[in-house]
């Protein structure tokens, strides 16, 4: 194999791995969290939040697999990662 072939294979692998959370989120059942929601989380795939420059509450999403291996997306509110402790 040539260096070019190996490089292309590595690039394709990296791009495919980065696309997995997006693909799982596209096929997943969406649920909004509320107090007392029963969760069945076997494996967390990704955690994301809406971007913003300010400190405050933002919408966040957790993409995960349930105990049956089915992809799910949970939407919830959280304090922005832009908030500093103190």
Protein backbone atom coordinates (compact mmCIF):
# COMPACT_ATOMS: atom_id res chain seq x y z
CA UNK A 1 0.00 0.00 0.00
CA UNK A 2 1.14 3.49 -0.70
CA UNK A 3 1.22 6.36 1.76
CA UNK A 4 -1.64 8.01 -0.13
CA UNK A 5 -3.87 4.92 0.23
CA UNK A 6 -3.14 4.60 3.95
CA UNK A 7 -3.77 8.32 4.49
CA UNK A 8 -7.09 8.14 2.66
CA UNK A 9 -8.17 5.11 4.70
CA UNK A 10 -7.26 6.86 7.97
CA UNK A 11 -9.12 10.01 6.96
CA UNK A 12 -12.21 8.02 6.00
CA UNK A 13 -12.13 6.19 9.35
CA UNK A 14 -11.88 9.44 11.33
CA UNK A 15 -14.70 11.07 9.37
CA UNK A 16 -16.92 8.01 9.80
CA UNK A 17 -16.36 7.92 13.57
CA UNK A 18 -17.20 11.62 13.85
CA UNK A 19 -20.48 11.07 11.98
CA UNK A 20 -21.78 8.31 14.28
CA UNK A 21 -23.38 10.61 16.91
CA UNK A 22 -25.07 12.65 14.18
CA UNK A 23 -26.44 9.52 12.51
CA UNK A 24 -27.67 8.12 15.82
CA UNK A 25 -29.35 11.41 16.66
CA UNK A 26 -31.10 11.48 13.28
CA UNK A 27 -32.68 8.04 13.81
CA UNK A 28 -33.36 8.40 17.53
CA UNK A 29 -36.63 8.91 19.37
CA UNK A 30 -36.60 12.38 20.96
CA UNK A 31 -37.78 12.92 24.54
CA UNK A 32 -37.84 16.06 26.72
CA UNK A 33 -36.77 15.58 30.32
CA UNK A 34 -39.06 16.56 33.15
CA UNK A 35 -38.79 15.80 36.85
CA UNK A 36 -39.50 12.11 37.44
CA UNK A 37 -38.81 10.99 33.87
CA UNK A 38 -37.82 7.31 33.91
CA UNK A 39 -34.58 6.89 31.97
CA UNK A 40 -33.19 3.69 30.47
CA UNK A 41 -29.59 4.60 29.60
CA UNK A 42 -27.15 1.85 28.67
CA UNK A 43 -24.48 3.92 26.87
CA UNK A 44 -24.08 7.67 26.30
CA UNK A 45 -23.05 8.47 22.73
CA UNK A 46 -22.78 12.27 22.90
CA UNK A 47 -23.57 15.35 24.99
CA UNK A 48 -24.20 18.65 23.22
CA UNK A 49 -25.64 22.03 24.14
CA UNK A 50 -26.89 25.04 22.21
CA UNK A 51 -24.08 27.49 21.64
CA UNK A 52 -24.18 30.97 23.05
CA UNK A 53 -21.82 33.58 24.37
CA UNK A 54 -23.73 34.31 27.58
CA UNK A 55 -23.96 32.57 30.91
CA UNK A 56 -27.41 31.19 31.65
CA UNK A 57 -29.74 28.30 30.92
CA UNK A 58 -29.39 26.54 27.58
CA UNK A 59 -31.02 23.56 25.92
CA UNK A 60 -28.80 20.47 25.90
CA UNK A 61 -29.12 17.08 24.24
CA UNK A 62 -27.88 13.68 25.32
CA UNK A 63 -27.79 10.99 22.63
CA UNK A 64 -27.69 7.51 24.14
CA UNK A 65 -28.53 3.84 23.63
CA UNK A 66 -31.21 2.26 25.81
CA UNK A 67 -30.97 -1.28 27.23
CA UNK A 68 -32.35 -2.66 23.95
CA UNK A 69 -29.67 -0.92 21.88
CA UNK A 70 -32.12 1.61 20.45
CA UNK A 71 -30.78 5.17 19.98
CA UNK A 72 -32.57 7.90 21.95
CA UNK A 73 -32.17 11.66 22.35
CA UNK A 74 -33.01 13.41 25.61
CA UNK A 75 -33.43 17.19 25.59
CA UNK A 76 -32.99 19.03 28.89
CA UNK A 77 -32.09 22.45 30.35
CA UNK A 78 -28.72 23.15 31.98
CA UNK A 79 -26.42 25.99 32.95
CA UNK A 80 -24.22 26.96 30.00
CA UNK A 81 -20.62 25.79 29.90
CA UNK A 82 -19.75 29.49 29.40
CA UNK A 83 -20.57 30.22 33.06
CA UNK A 84 -17.49 30.47 35.23
CA UNK A 85 -17.40 29.13 38.74
CA UNK A 86 -17.05 31.66 41.41
